[in-house]
C-alpha atoms as a PDB file:
ATOM      1  CA  UNK A   1      25.338 -12.750 -50.304  1.00  0.00           C
ATOM      2  CA  UNK A   2      25.892 -16.508 -50.010  1.00  0.00           C
ATOM      3  CA  UNK A   3      29.531 -15.967 -50.905  1.00  0.00           C
ATOM      4  CA  UNK A   4      29.927 -13.401 -48.123  1.00  0.00           C
ATOM      5  CA  UNK A   5      28.192 -15.619 -45.540  1.00  0.00           C
ATOM      6  CA  UNK A   6      30.477 -18.521 -46.476  1.00  0.00           C
ATOM      7  CA  UNK A   7      33.508 -16.323 -46.119  1.00  0.00           C
ATOM      8  CA  UNK A   8      32.301 -15.162 -42.722  1.00  0.00           C
ATOM      9  CA  UNK A   9      31.677 -18.763 -41.600  1.00  0.00           C
ATOM     10  CA  UNK A  10      35.200 -19.738 -42.602  1.00  0.00           C
ATOM     11  CA  UNK A  11      36.696 -16.703 -40.885  1.00  0.00           C
ATOM     12  CA  UNK A  12      35.064 -17.583 -37.565  1.00  0.00           C
ATOM     13  CA  UNK A  13      36.333 -21.163 -37.719  1.00  0.00           C
ATOM     14  CA  UNK A  14      39.837 -20.151 -38.801  1.00  0.00           C
ATOM     15  CA  UNK A  15      40.192 -17.695 -35.943  1.00  0.00           C
ATOM     16  CA  UNK A  16      38.749 -20.207 -33.521  1.00  0.00           C
ATOM     17  CA  UNK A  17      41.794 -22.367 -34.389  1.00  0.00           C
ATOM     18  CA  UNK A  18      44.116 -19.408 -33.822  1.00  0.00           C
ATOM     19  CA  UNK A  19      42.644 -18.652 -30.397  1.00  0.00           C
ATOM     20  CA  UNK A  20      43.058 -22.295 -29.375  1.00  0.00           C
ATOM     21  CA  UNK A  21      46.651 -22.488 -30.639  1.00  0.00           C
ATOM     22  CA  UNK A  22      48.379 -19.100 -30.493  1.00  0.00           C
ATOM     23  CA  UNK A  23      51.388 -20.419 -32.434  1.00  0.00           C
ATOM     24  CA  UNK A  24      49.307 -20.260 -35.614  1.00  0.00           C
ATOM     25  CA  UNK A  25      49.433 -16.455 -35.517  1.00  0.00           C
ATOM     26  CA  UNK A  26      53.117 -16.031 -34.723  1.00  0.00           C
ATOM     27  CA  UNK A  27      54.466 -16.341 -38.309  1.00  0.00           C
ATOM     28  CA  UNK A  28      52.084 -13.617 -39.553  1.00  0.00           C
ATOM     29  CA  UNK A  29      53.375 -11.292 -36.833  1.00  0.00           C
ATOM     30  CA  UNK A  30      56.986 -12.185 -37.613  1.00  0.00           C
ATOM     31  CA  UNK A  31      56.374 -11.644 -41.331  1.00  0.00           C
ATOM     32  CA  UNK A  32      55.089  -8.125 -40.700  1.00  0.00           C
ATOM     33  CA  UNK A  33      58.049  -7.163 -38.490  1.00  0.00           C
ATOM     34  CA  UNK A  34      60.735  -8.729 -40.694  1.00  0.00           C
ATOM     35  CA  UNK A  35      59.056  -7.389 -43.832  1.00  0.00           C
ATOM     36  CA  UNK A  36      59.187  -3.856 -42.437  1.00  0.00           C
ATOM     37  CA  UNK A  37      62.874  -4.210 -41.577  1.00  0.00           C
ATOM     38  CA  UNK A  38      63.696  -5.609 -45.028  1.00  0.00           C
ATOM     39  CA  UNK A  39      61.763  -2.792 -46.703  1.00  0.00           C
ATOM     40  CA  UNK A  40      63.510  -0.099 -44.667  1.00  0.00           C
ATOM     41  CA  UNK A  41      66.930  -1.569 -45.452  1.00  0.00           C
ATOM     42  CA  UNK A  42      66.078  -2.202 -49.096  1.00  0.00           C
ATOM     43  CA  UNK A  43      64.867   1.324 -49.753  1.00  0.00           C
ATOM     44  CA  UNK A  44      68.221   2.848 -48.719  1.00  0.00           C
ATOM     45  CA  UNK A  45      70.227   1.884 -51.865  1.00  0.00           C
ATOM     46  CA  UNK A  46      67.296   2.962 -54.044  1.00  0.00           C
ATOM     47  CA  UNK A  47      67.281   6.408 -52.432  1.00  0.00           C
ATOM     48  CA  UNK A  48      71.062   6.663 -52.703  1.00  0.00           C
ATOM     49  CA  UNK A  49      70.936   5.714 -56.394  1.00  0.00           C
ATOM     50  CA  UNK A  50      68.194   8.289 -57.009  1.00  0.00           C
ATOM     51  CA  UNK A  51      70.204  11.002 -55.246  1.00  0.00           C
ATOM     52  CA  UNK A  52      73.595  10.177 -56.812  1.00  0.00           C
ATOM     53  CA  UNK A  53      72.602   9.085 -60.321  1.00  0.00           C
ATOM     54  CA  UNK A  54      69.532  11.240 -60.847  1.00  0.00           C
ATOM     55  CA  UNK A  55      66.713  10.509 -63.272  1.00  0.00           C
ATOM     56  CA  UNK A  56      68.867   9.507 -66.218  1.00  0.00           C
ATOM     57  CA  UNK A  57      68.584   6.202 -68.030  1.00  0.00           C
ATOM     58  CA  UNK A  58      71.458   4.603 -66.112  1.00  0.00           C
ATOM     59  CA  UNK A  59      70.008   5.812 -62.823  1.00  0.00           C
ATOM     60  CA  UNK A  60      66.614   4.331 -63.658  1.00  0.00           C
ATOM     61  CA  UNK A  61      68.258   1.006 -64.564  1.00  0.00           C
ATOM     62  CA  UNK A  62      70.169   0.872 -61.269  1.00  0.00           C
ATOM     63  CA  UNK A  63      67.058   1.800 -59.265  1.00  0.00           C
ATOM     64  CA  UNK A  64      65.098  -0.816 -61.195  1.00  0.00           C
ATOM     65  CA  UNK A  65      67.651  -3.506 -60.279  1.00  0.00           C
ATOM     66  CA  UNK A  66      67.579  -2.510 -56.610  1.00  0.00           C
ATOM     67  CA  UNK A  67      63.780  -2.423 -56.739  1.00  0.00           C
ATOM     68  CA  UNK A  68      63.671  -5.934 -58.204  1.00  0.00           C
ATOM     69  CA  UNK A  69      66.011  -7.205 -55.471  1.00  0.00           C
ATOM     70  CA  UNK A  70      63.799  -5.607 -52.818  1.00  0.00           C
ATOM     71  CA  UNK A  71      60.668  -7.130 -54.336  1.00  0.00           C
ATOM     72  CA  UNK A  72      62.325 -10.550 -54.371  1.00  0.00           C
ATOM     73  CA  UNK A  73      63.381 -10.186 -50.725  1.00  0.00           C
ATOM     74  CA  UNK A  74      59.844  -9.191 -49.735  1.00  0.00           C
ATOM     75  CA  UNK A  75      58.405 -12.251 -51.487  1.00  0.00           C
ATOM     76  CA  UNK A  76      60.972 -14.497 -49.772  1.00  0.00           C
ATOM     77  CA  UNK A  77      60.018 -13.140 -46.344  1.00  0.00           C
ATOM     78  CA  UNK A  78      56.312 -13.486 -47.100  1.00  0.00           C
ATOM     79  CA  UNK A  79      56.615 -17.059 -48.369  1.00  0.00           C
ATOM     80  CA  UNK A  80      58.879 -18.216 -45.529  1.00  0.00           C
ATOM     81  CA  UNK A  81      56.441 -17.156 -42.833  1.00  0.00           C
ATOM     82  CA  UNK A  82      53.352 -18.125 -44.842  1.00  0.00           C
ATOM     83  CA  UNK A  83      54.962 -21.549 -45.266  1.00  0.00           C
ATOM     84  CA  UNK A  84      55.333 -21.765 -41.503  1.00  0.00           C
ATOM     85  CA  UNK A  85      51.666 -20.870 -41.086  1.00  0.00           C
ATOM     86  CA  UNK A  86      50.710 -23.545 -43.616  1.00  0.00           C
ATOM     87  CA  UNK A  87      52.575 -26.235 -41.701  1.00  0.00           C
ATOM     88  CA  UNK A  88      51.272 -25.075 -38.319  1.00  0.00           C
ATOM     89  CA  UNK A  89      47.692 -25.250 -39.585  1.00  0.00           C
ATOM     90  CA  UNK A  90      48.371 -28.644 -41.157  1.00  0.00           C
ATOM     91  CA  UNK A  91      49.795 -29.868 -37.850  1.00  0.00           C
ATOM     92  CA  UNK A  92      46.831 -28.496 -35.926  1.00  0.00           C
ATOM     93  CA  UNK A  93      44.272 -30.127 -38.237  1.00  0.00           C
ATOM     94  CA  UNK A  94      46.049 -33.502 -38.445  1.00  0.00           C
ATOM     95  CA  UNK A  95      47.704 -33.811 -35.022  1.00  0.00           C
ATOM     96  CA  UNK A  96      45.807 -31.323 -32.896  1.00  0.00           C
ATOM     97  CA  UNK A  97      48.900 -29.159 -32.373  1.00  0.00           C
ATOM     98  CA  UNK A  98      50.951 -26.860 -34.584  1.00  0.00           C
ATOM     99  CA  UNK A  99      54.569 -26.896 -33.434  1.00  0.00           C
ATOM    100  CA  UNK A 100      56.887 -23.987 -34.192  1.00  0.00           C
ATOM    101  CA  UNK A 101      60.044 -26.118 -34.148  1.00  0.00           C
ATOM    102  CA  UNK A 102      58.618 -28.397 -36.855  1.00  0.00           C
ATOM    103  CA  UNK A 103      57.469 -25.393 -38.906  1.00  0.00           C
ATOM    104  CA  UNK A 104      60.975 -23.873 -38.780  1.00  0.00           C
ATOM    105  CA  UNK A 105      62.485 -27.198 -39.845  1.00  0.00           C
ATOM    106  CA  UNK A 106      60.097 -27.461 -42.791  1.00  0.00           C
ATOM    107  CA  UNK A 107      60.846 -23.992 -44.183  1.00  0.00           C
ATOM    108  CA  UNK A 108      64.567 -24.680 -43.850  1.00  0.00           C
ATOM    109  CA  UNK A 109      64.061 -27.889 -45.795  1.00  0.00           C
ATOM    110  CA  UNK A 110      62.083 -26.082 -48.495  1.00  0.00           C
ATOM    111  CA  UNK A 111      64.159 -22.884 -48.541  1.00  0.00           C
ATOM    112  CA  UNK A 112      65.437 -23.331 -52.101  1.00  0.00           C
ATOM    113  CA  UNK A 113      61.921 -24.115 -53.359  1.00  0.00           C
ATOM    114  CA  UNK A 114      60.644 -20.985 -51.623  1.00  0.00           C
ATOM    115  CA  UNK A 115      63.356 -18.974 -53.365  1.00  0.00           C
ATOM    116  CA  UNK A 116      62.219 -20.278 -56.768  1.00  0.00           C
ATOM    117  CA  UNK A 117      58.597 -19.418 -55.975  1.00  0.00           C
ATOM    118  CA  UNK A 118      59.666 -15.909 -54.930  1.00  0.00           C
ATOM    119  CA  UNK A 119      61.716 -15.532 -58.125  1.00  0.00           C
ATOM    120  CA  UNK A 120      58.724 -16.324 -60.348  1.00  0.00           C
ATOM    121  CA  UNK A 121      56.477 -14.009 -58.329  1.00  0.00           C
ATOM    122  CA  UNK A 122      59.084 -11.262 -58.717  1.00  0.00           C
ATOM    123  CA  UNK A 123      59.210 -11.809 -62.484  1.00  0.00           C
ATOM    124  CA  UNK A 124      55.411 -11.605 -62.681  1.00  0.00           C
ATOM    125  CA  UNK A 125      55.419  -8.451 -60.561  1.00  0.00           C
ATOM    126  CA  UNK A 126      58.084  -6.793 -62.719  1.00  0.00           C
ATOM    127  CA  UNK A 127      56.136  -7.687 -65.856  1.00  0.00           C
ATOM    128  CA  UNK A 128      53.038  -6.117 -64.357  1.00  0.00           C
ATOM    129  CA  UNK A 129      54.950  -2.978 -63.345  1.00  0.00           C
ATOM    130  CA  UNK A 130      56.466  -2.623 -66.817  1.00  0.00           C
ATOM    131  CA  UNK A 131      53.020  -2.799 -68.420  1.00  0.00           C
ATOM    132  CA  UNK A 132      51.648  -0.243 -65.948  1.00  0.00           C
ATOM    133  CA  UNK A 133      54.502   2.182 -66.648  1.00  0.00           C
ATOM    134  CA  UNK A 134      53.790   2.109 -70.379  1.00  0.00           C
ATOM    135  CA  UNK A 135      52.100   5.466 -70.960  1.00  0.00           C
ATOM    136  CA  UNK A 136      50.946   4.569 -74.448  1.00  0.00           C
ATOM    137  CA  UNK A 137      47.149   4.723 -74.535  1.00  0.00           C
ATOM    138  CA  UNK A 138      46.796   2.559 -77.628  1.00  0.00           C
ATOM    139  CA  UNK A 139      44.722  -0.605 -77.821  1.00  0.00           C
ATOM    140  CA  UNK A 140      47.805  -2.837 -77.749  1.00  0.00           C
ATOM    141  CA  UNK A 141      49.097  -1.192 -74.551  1.00  0.00           C
ATOM    142  CA  UNK A 142      45.697  -1.447 -72.861  1.00  0.00           C
ATOM    143  CA  UNK A 143      45.487  -5.121 -73.804  1.00  0.00           C
ATOM    144  CA  UNK A 144      49.020  -5.696 -72.471  1.00  0.00           C
ATOM    145  CA  UNK A 145      48.114  -4.074 -69.149  1.00  0.00           C
ATOM    146  CA  UNK A 146      44.950  -6.147 -68.898  1.00  0.00           C
ATOM    147  CA  UNK A 147      46.822  -9.339 -69.784  1.00  0.00           C
ATOM    148  CA  UNK A 148      49.603  -8.789 -67.268  1.00  0.00           C
ATOM    149  CA  UNK A 149      47.019  -7.890 -64.624  1.00  0.00           C
ATOM    150  CA  UNK A 150      45.223 -11.175 -65.295  1.00  0.00           C
ATOM    151  CA  UNK A 151      48.500 -13.101 -65.196  1.00  0.00           C
ATOM    152  CA  UNK A 152      49.390 -11.521 -61.869  1.00  0.00           C
ATOM    153  CA  UNK A 153      45.957 -12.365 -60.404  1.00  0.00           C
ATOM    154  CA  UNK A 154      46.113 -15.984 -61.584  1.00  0.00           C
ATOM    155  CA  UNK A 155      49.690 -16.438 -60.396  1.00  0.00           C
ATOM    156  CA  UNK A 156      48.925 -14.943 -56.981  1.00  0.00           C
ATOM    157  CA  UNK A 157      46.087 -17.427 -56.522  1.00  0.00           C
ATOM    158  CA  UNK A 158      48.265 -20.271 -57.819  1.00  0.00           C
ATOM    159  CA  UNK A 159      51.128 -19.342 -55.473  1.00  0.00           C
ATOM    160  CA  UNK A 160      48.763 -19.541 -52.495  1.00  0.00           C
ATOM    161  CA  UNK A 161      48.168 -23.206 -53.409  1.00  0.00           C
ATOM    162  CA  UNK A 162      51.683 -24.063 -54.604  1.00  0.00           C
ATOM    163  CA  UNK A 163      53.118 -23.097 -51.213  1.00  0.00           C
ATOM    164  CA  UNK A 164      51.058 -25.741 -49.327  1.00  0.00           C
ATOM    165  CA  UNK A 165      52.102 -28.291 -51.964  1.00  0.00           C
ATOM    166  CA  UNK A 166      55.740 -27.447 -51.244  1.00  0.00           C
ATOM    167  CA  UNK A 167      55.373 -27.453 -47.473  1.00  0.00           C
ATOM    168  CA  UNK A 168      52.978 -30.370 -46.945  1.00  0.00           C
ATOM    169  CA  UNK A 169      54.082 -32.706 -49.740  1.00  0.00           C
ATOM    170  CA  UNK A 170      57.706 -31.538 -50.156  1.00  0.00           C
ATOM    171  CA  UNK A 171      57.287 -30.685 -53.844  1.00  0.00           C
ATOM    172  CA  UNK A 172      59.543 -28.384 -55.846  1.00  0.00           C
ATOM    173  CA  UNK A 173      58.176 -25.506 -57.924  1.00  0.00           C
ATOM    174  CA  UNK A 174      57.714 -27.539 -61.110  1.00  0.00           C
ATOM    175  CA  UNK A 175      55.936 -30.419 -59.359  1.00  0.00           C
ATOM    176  CA  UNK A 176      53.917 -27.995 -57.244  1.00  0.00           C
ATOM    177  CA  UNK A 177      52.637 -26.171 -60.332  1.00  0.00           C
ATOM    178  CA  UNK A 178      51.795 -29.510 -61.957  1.00  0.00           C
ATOM    179  CA  UNK A 179      50.010 -30.713 -58.809  1.00  0.00           C
ATOM    180  CA  UNK A 180      47.937 -27.556 -58.438  1.00  0.00           C
ATOM    181  CA  UNK A 181      47.103 -27.529 -62.160  1.00  0.00           C
ATOM    182  CA  UNK A 182      45.903 -31.135 -61.931  1.00  0.00           C
ATOM    183  CA  UNK A 183      43.796 -30.398 -58.867  1.00  0.00           C
ATOM    184  CA  UNK A 184      42.112 -27.395 -60.482  1.00  0.00           C
ATOM    185  CA  UNK A 185      41.615 -29.217 -63.791  1.00  0.00           C
ATOM    186  CA  UNK A 186      39.888 -32.125 -62.065  1.00  0.00           C
ATOM    187  CA  UNK A 187      37.641 -29.703 -60.157  1.00  0.00           C
ATOM    188  CA  UNK A 188      38.880 -30.851 -56.781  1.00  0.00           C
ATOM    189  CA  UNK A 189      38.713 -27.304 -55.439  1.00  0.00           C
ATOM    190  CA  UNK A 190      35.681 -25.087 -55.085  1.00  0.00           C
ATOM    191  CA  UNK A 191      37.829 -22.002 -55.537  1.00  0.00           C
ATOM    192  CA  UNK A 192      35.237 -19.618 -56.942  1.00  0.00           C
ATOM    193  CA  UNK A 193      32.479 -18.697 -54.528  1.00  0.00           C
ATOM    194  CA  UNK A 194      34.313 -19.295 -51.254  1.00  0.00           C
ATOM    195  CA  UNK A 195      37.473 -17.512 -52.421  1.00  0.00           C
ATOM    196  CA  UNK A 196      35.471 -14.419 -53.232  1.00  0.00           C
ATOM    197  CA  UNK A 197      33.702 -14.652 -49.885  1.00  0.00           C
ATOM    198  CA  UNK A 198      36.905 -14.886 -47.874  1.00  0.00           C
ATOM    199  CA  UNK A 199      38.425 -12.022 -49.846  1.00  0.00           C
ATOM    200  CA  UNK A 200      35.372  -9.834 -49.317  1.00  0.00           C
ATOM    201  CA  UNK A 201      35.203 -10.497 -45.589  1.00  0.00           C
ATOM    202  CA  UNK A 202      38.915  -9.919 -44.964  1.00  0.00           C
ATOM    203  CA  UNK A 203      38.841  -6.810 -47.156  1.00  0.00           C
ATOM    204  CA  UNK A 204      35.836  -5.396 -45.306  1.00  0.00           C
ATOM    205  CA  UNK A 205      37.279  -6.042 -41.861  1.00  0.00           C
ATOM    206  CA  UNK A 206      40.644  -4.641 -42.939  1.00  0.00           C
ATOM    207  CA  UNK A 207      38.880  -1.507 -44.187  1.00  0.00           C
ATOM    208  CA  UNK A 208      36.970  -1.176 -40.915  1.00  0.00           C
ATOM    209  CA  UNK A 209      40.177  -1.525 -38.886  1.00  0.00           C
ATOM    210  CA  UNK A 210      41.848   1.102 -41.065  1.00  0.00           C
ATOM    211  CA  UNK A 211      38.942   3.530 -40.732  1.00  0.00           C
ATOM    212  CA  UNK A 212      38.767   3.112 -36.959  1.00  0.00           C
ATOM    213  CA  UNK A 213      42.502   3.710 -36.698  1.00  0.00           C
ATOM    214  CA  UNK A 214      42.253   6.773 -38.944  1.00  0.00           C
ATOM    215  CA  UNK A 215      39.369   8.274 -36.941  1.00  0.00           C
ATOM    216  CA  UNK A 216      41.163   7.742 -33.628  1.00  0.00           C
ATOM    217  CA  UNK A 217      44.443   9.060 -35.049  1.00  0.00           C
ATOM    218  CA  UNK A 218      42.729  12.118 -36.531  1.00  0.00           C
ATOM    219  CA  UNK A 219      40.905  12.794 -33.260  1.00  0.00           C
ATOM    220  CA  UNK A 220      44.110  12.601 -31.228  1.00  0.00           C
ATOM    221  CA  UNK A 221      46.324  14.465 -33.686  1.00  0.00           C
ATOM    222  CA  UNK A 222      43.720  17.085 -34.544  1.00  0.00           C
ATOM    223  CA  UNK A 223      42.640  17.426 -30.925  1.00  0.00           C
ATOM    224  CA  UNK A 224      46.190  17.958 -29.747  1.00  0.00           C
ATOM    225  CA  UNK A 225      46.761  20.602 -32.413  1.00  0.00           C
ATOM    226  CA  UNK A 226      43.496  22.332 -31.442  1.00  0.00           C
ATOM    227  CA  UNK A 227      44.082  22.445 -27.676  1.00  0.00           C
ATOM    228  CA  UNK A 228      47.793  23.199 -27.957  1.00  0.00           C
ATOM    229  CA  UNK A 229      47.118  26.880 -28.377  1.00  0.00           C
ATOM    230  CA  UNK A 230      49.819  27.114 -31.010  1.00  0.00           C
ATOM    231  CA  UNK A 231      52.368  25.081 -29.049  1.00  0.00           C
ATOM    232  CA  UNK A 232      54.320  23.280 -31.763  1.00  0.00           C
ATOM    233  CA  UNK A 233      55.740  20.592 -29.456  1.00  0.00           C
ATOM    234  CA  UNK A 234      52.311  19.490 -28.245  1.00  0.00           C
ATOM    235  CA  UNK A 235      50.970  19.429 -31.804  1.00  0.00           C
ATOM    236  CA  UNK A 236      53.880  17.286 -33.019  1.00  0.00           C
ATOM    237  CA  UNK A 237      53.500  14.841 -30.108  1.00  0.00           C
ATOM    238  CA  UNK A 238      49.765  14.562 -30.735  1.00  0.00           C
ATOM    239  CA  UNK A 239      50.247  13.936 -34.454  1.00  0.00           C
ATOM    240  CA  UNK A 240      53.000  11.387 -33.754  1.00  0.00           C
ATOM    241  CA  UNK A 241      50.809   9.493 -31.267  1.00  0.00           C
ATOM    242  CA  UNK A 242      47.916   9.548 -33.733  1.00  0.00           C
ATOM    243  CA  UNK A 243      50.152   8.211 -36.504  1.00  0.00           C
ATOM    244  CA  UNK A 244      51.384   5.378 -34.262  1.00  0.00           C
ATOM    245  CA  UNK A 245      47.818   4.405 -33.397  1.00  0.00           C
ATOM    246  CA  UNK A 246      46.808   4.392 -37.063  1.00  0.00           C
ATOM    247  CA  UNK A 247      49.842   2.284 -37.945  1.00  0.00           C
ATOM    248  CA  UNK A 248      48.992  -0.162 -35.132  1.00  0.00           C
ATOM    249  CA  UNK A 249      45.492  -0.666 -36.556  1.00  0.00           C
ATOM    250  CA  UNK A 250      46.933  -1.175 -40.050  1.00  0.00           C
ATOM    251  CA  UNK A 251      49.343  -3.783 -38.649  1.00  0.00           C
ATOM    252  CA  UNK A 252      46.485  -5.673 -37.009  1.00  0.00           C
ATOM    253  CA  UNK A 253      44.528  -5.599 -40.278  1.00  0.00           C
ATOM    254  CA  UNK A 254      47.575  -6.918 -42.160  1.00  0.00           C
ATOM    255  CA  UNK A 255      48.074  -9.812 -39.726  1.00  0.00           C
ATOM    256  CA  UNK A 256      44.361 -10.589 -39.872  1.00  0.00           C
ATOM    257  CA  UNK A 257      44.328 -10.724 -43.671  1.00  0.00           C
ATOM    258  CA  UNK A 258      47.574 -12.698 -43.968  1.00  0.00           C
ATOM    259  CA  UNK A 259      46.564 -15.426 -41.525  1.00  0.00           C
ATOM    260  CA  UNK A 260      43.016 -15.791 -42.841  1.00  0.00           C
ATOM    261  CA  UNK A 261      44.072 -16.054 -46.481  1.00  0.00           C
ATOM    262  CA  UNK A 262      46.825 -18.578 -45.702  1.00  0.00           C
ATOM    263  CA  UNK A 263      44.471 -20.645 -43.562  1.00  0.00           C
ATOM    264  CA  UNK A 264      41.865 -20.688 -46.336  1.00  0.00           C
ATOM    265  CA  UNK A 265      44.224 -21.910 -49.047  1.00  0.00           C
ATOM    266  CA  UNK A 266      45.826 -24.446 -46.712  1.00  0.00           C
ATOM    267  CA  UNK A 267      42.423 -25.952 -45.942  1.00  0.00           C
ATOM    268  CA  UNK A 268      41.598 -25.991 -49.654  1.00  0.00           C
ATOM    269  CA  UNK A 269      44.778 -27.853 -50.454  1.00  0.00           C
ATOM    270  CA  UNK A 270      44.385 -30.366 -47.626  1.00  0.00           C
ATOM    271  CA  UNK A 271      40.834 -31.102 -48.760  1.00  0.00           C
ATOM    272  CA  UNK A 272      41.856 -31.510 -52.394  1.00  0.00           C
ATOM    273  CA  UNK A 273      44.704 -33.765 -51.297  1.00  0.00           C
ATOM    274  CA  UNK A 274      42.358 -35.985 -49.284  1.00  0.00           C
ATOM    275  CA  UNK A 275      39.863 -36.175 -52.158  1.00  0.00           C
ATOM    276  CA  UNK A 276      42.654 -37.082 -54.561  1.00  0.00           C
ATOM    277  CA  UNK A 277      43.873 -39.844 -52.226  1.00  0.00           C
ATOM    278  CA  UNK A 278      40.358 -41.241 -51.815  1.00  0.00           C
ATOM    279  CA  UNK A 279      39.854 -41.359 -55.587  1.00  0.00           C
ATOM    280  CA  UNK A 280      43.197 -43.105 -56.079  1.00  0.00           C
ATOM    281  CA  UNK A 281      42.112 -45.732 -53.558  1.00  0.00           C
ATOM    282  CA  UNK A 282      38.798 -46.240 -55.361  1.00  0.00           C
ATOM    283  CA  UNK A 283      36.695 -44.943 -52.470  1.00  0.00           C
ATOM    284  CA  UNK A 284      33.233 -43.616 -53.334  1.00  0.00           C
ATOM    285  CA  UNK A 285      32.657 -42.052 -49.916  1.00  0.00           C
ATOM    286  CA  UNK A 286      32.396 -38.290 -49.693  1.00  0.00           C
ATOM    287  CA  UNK A 287      35.527 -36.753 -48.205  1.00  0.00           C
ATOM    288  CA  UNK A 288      34.839 -34.132 -45.573  1.00  0.00           C
ATOM    289  CA  UNK A 289      36.647 -30.822 -45.890  1.00  0.00           C
ATOM    290  CA  UNK A 290      38.757 -29.599 -42.931  1.00  0.00           C
ATOM    291  CA  UNK A 291      36.517 -28.157 -40.234  1.00  0.00           C
ATOM    292  CA  UNK A 292      36.961 -24.440 -41.061  1.00  0.00           C
ATOM    293  CA  UNK A 293      36.252 -25.031 -44.748  1.00  0.00           C
ATOM    294  CA  UNK A 294      33.417 -27.468 -44.020  1.00  0.00           C
ATOM    295  CA  UNK A 295      31.686 -24.710 -42.032  1.00  0.00           C
ATOM    296  CA  UNK A 296      31.998 -22.352 -45.012  1.00  0.00           C
ATOM    297  CA  UNK A 297      30.573 -24.891 -47.449  1.00  0.00           C
ATOM    298  CA  UNK A 298      27.734 -26.077 -45.229  1.00  0.00           C
END
């Protein structure tokens, strides 16, 4: 319960920042739109390969290659706009204003590093998918699936912290991994309880948004079909409107989750960075966490 209350406290503070500086939310919106476009374009060669080459071994290889390219592109899009969010939040907390022009400049500067981060995430994702596709029910296969699942979870959490290291401190992938590993090893981050709390709160609110959208969509689509008296056109329009409403709610939930998670890990990294600097300077004073995180840990 304490974990949930801390997550809720952080969420309120993080969104208070967003309401004061609307630029903080823009990259999450852009990421959703661009990600949808990339996915729609990327699925076309996969469908063509499936139709032309069939389900043979060569066809599966070609579809696998296209799928890997699409996964990589999706990670690149996600990390570019998450990196922008990181820098906007950093600017807001340190200067009182997150500027979009500076955020764009930073992700251009770190573009190659973002590509390397996306490449590793793609490799981890492909490893996880390969283990999941293994239909062998033996102990070794179950252990492999569990291991790759754990690796994916750990890497996902690590990537959330490596990205701020890249954006804020201009570190490459190797130095970012080393920096984050050092921070975690020296217990400069209270990842455990507050991470779970933030994840629970965002998951719950996302679920609520999805359910509300589904209920409204079902009411409109089902209602239109019921009152149409068998008119196919009215039924189709009603179902289409309902589907659009449901999709709109899902989009809002996605933006909500993306921004909140990025804000949380950015605040964690900034705090760890400040603590590390204070220790290097020999200061014994307690370093305050950024305001949103301080509210969660109070």
